[in-house]
Amino acid sequence: MTDVIRRLIDLFERVPNDLIAVLARLGIGAIFLRSGLLKLDGWDSGLTLALFESEYRLPFLPPELAAPLAMGAELTLPFLLFAGLATRFAALGLFGMTLVIQVFVYPNAFDTHAVWAVALLFLIRNGAGRLSLDWALSAWTRRQRAAV
């Protein structure tokens, strides 16, 4: 029985970090992009600002500033994650948003926010992986330095 367990663990350990990174980038990016698109859709009608005035109230930012900042971050940072460009910094920005949402907006949604945090912390710690612009730029930079 222990041999079967060891073989399974060996199999689990062969899951490439690059695959985990791609799934984390696409999954968490899609969540935040969808939220940003909903904010954009409600912008002209005033619904987005109304949500920040009532439900998304932050103690340190007025709604007139918080709404466009949140929407802007949710419409830009996911694309950086999708491309794997400045991944650690994009993930850090979304991790900060996740903390703000957890602490000030929906403190009873820890189960959801913890899952977001795990994906974002993985990206902050490990980067985008080999299937990314970060990796390609890093390889290009290394080649340029070696050529000098």
Protein backbone atom coordinates (compact mmCIF):
# COMPACT_ATOMS: atom_id res chain seq x y z
CA MET A 1 0.00 0.00 0.00
CA THR A 2 2.77 2.46 0.85
CA ASP A 3 4.37 1.76 -2.54
CA VAL A 4 1.13 2.80 -4.30
CA ILE A 5 0.96 5.97 -2.20
CA ARG A 6 4.60 6.78 -2.96
CA ARG A 7 4.01 6.29 -6.70
CA LEU A 8 0.99 8.59 -6.57
CA ILE A 9 2.96 11.23 -4.70
CA ASP A 10 5.76 10.94 -7.26
CA LEU A 11 3.17 11.43 -10.00
CA PHE A 12 1.71 14.49 -8.23
CA GLU A 13 5.18 15.99 -7.89
CA ARG A 14 5.66 15.79 -11.66
CA VAL A 15 2.86 18.30 -12.32
CA PRO A 16 4.85 21.14 -13.88
CA ASN A 17 4.88 24.51 -12.13
CA ASP A 18 4.53 26.07 -15.58
CA LEU A 19 1.13 24.41 -15.98
CA ILE A 20 0.05 25.56 -12.52
CA ALA A 21 1.21 29.10 -13.33
CA VAL A 22 -0.75 29.23 -16.60
CA LEU A 23 -3.91 28.00 -14.89
CA ALA A 24 -3.43 30.46 -12.03
CA ARG A 25 -2.85 33.36 -14.45
CA LEU A 26 -5.86 32.55 -16.61
CA GLY A 27 -8.22 31.65 -13.78
CA ILE A 28 -7.62 34.57 -11.45
CA GLY A 29 -7.27 36.96 -14.38
CA ALA A 30 -10.69 35.92 -15.69
CA ILE A 31 -12.30 36.53 -12.30
CA PHE A 32 -10.97 40.07 -12.02
CA LEU A 33 -11.53 40.91 -15.71
CA ARG A 34 -15.17 39.83 -15.46
CA SER A 35 -15.58 42.10 -12.43
CA GLY A 36 -13.98 45.00 -14.29
CA LEU A 37 -16.24 44.48 -17.31
CA LEU A 38 -19.30 44.53 -15.05
CA LYS A 39 -18.10 47.81 -13.53
CA LEU A 40 -17.52 49.23 -17.01
CA ASP A 41 -20.99 48.11 -18.10
CA GLY A 42 -22.55 49.93 -15.14
CA TRP A 43 -20.40 53.05 -15.44
CA ASP A 44 -22.64 55.21 -17.66
CA SER A 45 -25.79 54.35 -15.72
CA GLY A 46 -24.13 55.31 -12.44
CA LEU A 47 -24.57 51.80 -11.04
CA THR A 48 -20.84 51.30 -10.47
CA LEU A 49 -20.47 54.49 -8.47
CA ALA A 50 -23.65 53.68 -6.53
CA LEU A 51 -22.18 50.30 -5.55
CA PHE A 52 -19.03 52.01 -4.25
CA GLU A 53 -21.19 54.51 -2.34
CA SER A 54 -23.29 51.83 -0.67
CA GLU A 55 -22.03 48.25 -0.79
CA TYR A 56 -18.29 48.62 -1.54
CA ARG A 57 -17.69 51.46 0.92
CA LEU A 58 -14.02 51.89 1.79
CA PRO A 59 -12.99 53.86 4.88
CA PHE A 60 -9.91 55.38 3.23
CA LEU A 61 -10.99 56.26 -0.34
CA PRO A 62 -14.00 58.23 -1.54
CA PRO A 63 -16.25 56.30 -3.95
CA GLU A 64 -15.45 58.77 -6.77
CA LEU A 65 -11.81 57.66 -6.58
CA ALA A 66 -12.22 54.02 -5.54
CA ALA A 67 -14.60 53.11 -8.38
CA PRO A 68 -12.38 54.16 -11.32
CA LEU A 69 -9.24 52.85 -9.61
CA ALA A 70 -10.77 49.43 -9.02
CA MET A 71 -12.25 49.29 -12.50
CA GLY A 72 -8.98 50.37 -14.09
CA ALA A 73 -6.99 47.75 -12.18
CA GLU A 74 -9.50 45.03 -13.05
CA LEU A 75 -9.41 45.97 -16.74
CA THR A 76 -5.59 46.12 -17.03
CA LEU A 77 -3.91 43.78 -14.55
CA PRO A 78 -5.65 40.63 -15.86
CA PHE A 79 -4.24 41.25 -19.34
CA LEU A 80 -0.76 41.42 -17.85
CA LEU A 81 -1.44 38.06 -16.19
CA PHE A 82 -2.80 36.56 -19.42
CA ALA A 83 0.36 37.60 -21.26
CA GLY A 84 2.63 36.75 -18.37
CA LEU A 85 4.08 40.26 -18.41
CA ALA A 86 5.13 41.90 -15.13
CA THR A 87 3.29 38.98 -13.60
CA ARG A 88 4.57 39.29 -10.06
CA PHE A 89 3.60 42.97 -9.91
CA ALA A 90 0.19 42.44 -11.53
CA ALA A 91 -0.49 39.61 -9.08
CA LEU A 92 0.66 41.82 -6.20
CA GLY A 93 -1.83 44.51 -7.24
CA LEU A 94 -4.67 42.01 -7.40
CA PHE A 95 -3.57 40.46 -4.10
CA GLY A 96 -3.82 43.92 -2.53
CA MET A 97 -7.32 44.31 -3.98
CA THR A 98 -8.23 40.89 -2.60
CA LEU A 99 -7.10 41.92 0.88
CA VAL A 100 -9.10 45.15 0.70
CA ILE A 101 -12.19 43.28 -0.48
CA GLN A 102 -11.82 40.69 2.28
CA VAL A 103 -11.21 43.17 5.10
CA PHE A 104 -13.50 46.07 4.15
CA VAL A 105 -16.13 44.86 1.68
CA TYR A 106 -16.99 41.17 2.14
CA PRO A 107 -15.37 39.95 5.38
CA ASN A 108 -17.53 36.82 5.41
CA ALA A 109 -16.24 35.59 2.04
CA PHE A 110 -12.91 34.24 3.28
CA ASP A 111 -13.36 30.93 1.47
CA THR A 112 -13.52 32.65 -1.92
CA HIS A 113 -10.82 35.20 -1.18
CA ALA A 114 -8.46 32.57 0.20
CA VAL A 115 -8.62 30.71 -3.11
CA TRP A 116 -7.85 33.94 -4.97
CA ALA A 117 -5.00 34.65 -2.56
CA VAL A 118 -3.45 31.23 -3.09
CA ALA A 119 -3.35 31.67 -6.87
CA LEU A 120 -1.98 35.21 -6.55
CA LEU A 121 0.62 34.26 -3.94
CA PHE A 122 1.77 31.39 -6.16
CA LEU A 123 2.33 33.89 -8.98
CA ILE A 124 4.01 36.44 -6.71
CA ARG A 125 6.39 33.79 -5.39
CA ASN A 126 7.05 31.78 -8.56
CA GLY A 127 6.36 34.16 -11.43
CA ALA A 128 4.57 33.41 -14.68
CA GLY A 129 6.51 30.33 -15.73
CA ARG A 130 8.06 29.48 -19.08
CA LEU A 131 4.89 30.11 -21.09
CA SER A 132 5.03 33.87 -20.63
CA LEU A 133 6.44 37.12 -21.88
CA ASP A 134 8.31 37.46 -18.58
CA TRP A 135 10.24 34.27 -19.37
CA ALA A 136 10.90 35.31 -22.98
CA LEU A 137 12.13 38.77 -21.92
CA SER A 138 14.33 37.26 -19.22
CA ALA A 139 15.85 34.82 -21.71
CA TRP A 140 16.42 37.63 -24.21
CA THR A 141 18.07 39.78 -21.53
CA ARG A 142 20.36 36.91 -20.52
CA ARG A 143 21.38 36.40 -24.16
CA GLN A 144 22.09 40.13 -24.57
CA ARG A 145 24.27 40.19 -21.45
CA ALA A 146 26.15 37.07 -22.57
CA ALA A 147 26.82 38.68 -25.96
CA VAL A 148 28.49 41.71 -24.40
